[in-house]
Amino acid sequence: MVAAAYAKDLLCRIAPNRVEAEKKIGDILSGLQEVAEEHRDIATEQLQAQEDLAKERLSKEEQKCHHVNESMACPP
């Protein structure tokens, strides 16, 4: 009951045109979802780039190891 009275009082204090001028919560949440998806995609791309670089470096290290000491096994 108190909450309803508070809401009624609050609505009486705010001009209707100001309420209509506010963005709808659905629009705000939709925008936030788009930003979150963009961030996820960027993070996925960065992770893939880091994994590719790590594989490339590992391959070069393995090649160098095998080239220098063909008769010795490379350390793990």
Protein backbone atom coordinates (compact mmCIF):
# COMPACT_ATOMS: atom_id res chain seq x y z
CA MET A 1 0.00 0.00 0.00
CA VAL A 2 2.83 2.37 0.88
CA ALA A 3 4.58 1.56 -2.38
CA ALA A 4 1.45 2.40 -4.37
CA ALA A 5 1.09 5.72 -2.57
CA TYR A 6 4.75 6.52 -3.21
CA ALA A 7 4.40 5.63 -6.90
CA LYS A 8 1.29 7.80 -7.23
CA ASP A 9 3.04 10.73 -5.55
CA LEU A 10 6.09 10.27 -7.76
CA LEU A 11 4.00 10.17 -10.93
CA CYS A 12 2.21 13.36 -9.89
CA ARG A 13 5.56 15.16 -9.55
CA ILE A 14 6.88 14.14 -12.97
CA ALA A 15 5.47 15.82 -16.07
CA PRO A 16 4.02 13.28 -18.54
CA ASN A 17 6.12 14.63 -21.41
CA ARG A 18 9.30 13.95 -19.39
CA VAL A 19 8.24 10.35 -18.87
CA GLU A 20 7.55 9.92 -22.58
CA ALA A 21 10.93 11.47 -23.43
CA GLU A 22 12.80 8.80 -21.47
CA LYS A 23 14.21 5.81 -23.31
CA LYS A 24 12.37 2.56 -22.92
CA ILE A 25 14.17 -0.05 -20.80
CA GLY A 26 13.86 -2.56 -23.64
CA ASP A 27 15.77 -0.24 -25.97
CA ILE A 28 18.48 0.31 -23.37
CA LEU A 29 18.85 -3.42 -22.71
CA SER A 30 18.94 -4.16 -26.43
CA GLY A 31 21.77 -1.67 -26.85
CA LEU A 32 23.65 -3.21 -23.94
CA GLN A 33 23.24 -6.67 -25.47
CA GLU A 34 24.70 -5.43 -28.75
CA VAL A 35 27.71 -3.96 -26.92
CA ALA A 36 28.20 -7.18 -24.95
CA GLU A 37 28.08 -9.23 -28.16
CA GLU A 38 30.65 -6.95 -29.80
CA HIS A 39 32.95 -7.30 -26.78
CA ARG A 40 32.52 -11.08 -26.86
CA ASP A 41 33.40 -11.18 -30.55
CA ILE A 42 36.49 -9.02 -30.02
CA ALA A 43 37.63 -11.20 -27.11
CA THR A 44 37.13 -14.33 -29.22
CA GLU A 45 39.19 -12.85 -32.06
CA GLN A 46 41.97 -11.83 -29.67
CA LEU A 47 42.04 -15.28 -28.09
CA GLN A 48 42.29 -16.92 -31.51
CA ALA A 49 45.13 -14.57 -32.49
CA GLN A 50 47.01 -15.40 -29.28
CA GLU A 51 46.52 -19.14 -29.82
CA ASP A 52 47.74 -18.87 -33.41
CA LEU A 53 50.81 -16.90 -32.32
CA ALA A 54 51.59 -19.43 -29.58
CA LYS A 55 51.37 -22.29 -32.10
CA GLU A 56 53.59 -20.40 -34.54
CA ARG A 57 56.21 -19.70 -31.87
CA LEU A 58 56.11 -23.28 -30.64
CA SER A 59 56.63 -24.57 -34.15
CA LYS A 60 59.64 -22.27 -34.66
CA GLU A 61 61.16 -23.36 -31.35
CA GLU A 62 60.65 -27.01 -32.21
CA GLN A 63 62.19 -26.52 -35.65
CA LYS A 64 65.19 -24.71 -34.16
CA CYS A 65 65.63 -27.43 -31.54
CA HIS A 66 65.53 -30.19 -34.13
CA HIS A 67 67.83 -28.31 -36.46
CA VAL A 68 70.53 -27.64 -33.82
CA ASN A 69 70.45 -31.06 -32.18
CA GLU A 70 69.05 -33.55 -34.63
CA SER A 71 70.27 -36.50 -32.62
CA MET A 72 68.95 -35.25 -29.26
CA ALA A 73 65.32 -35.21 -28.22
CA CYS A 74 63.77 -31.81 -27.55
CA PRO A 75 62.71 -31.11 -23.98
CA PRO A 76 58.95 -31.06 -23.44
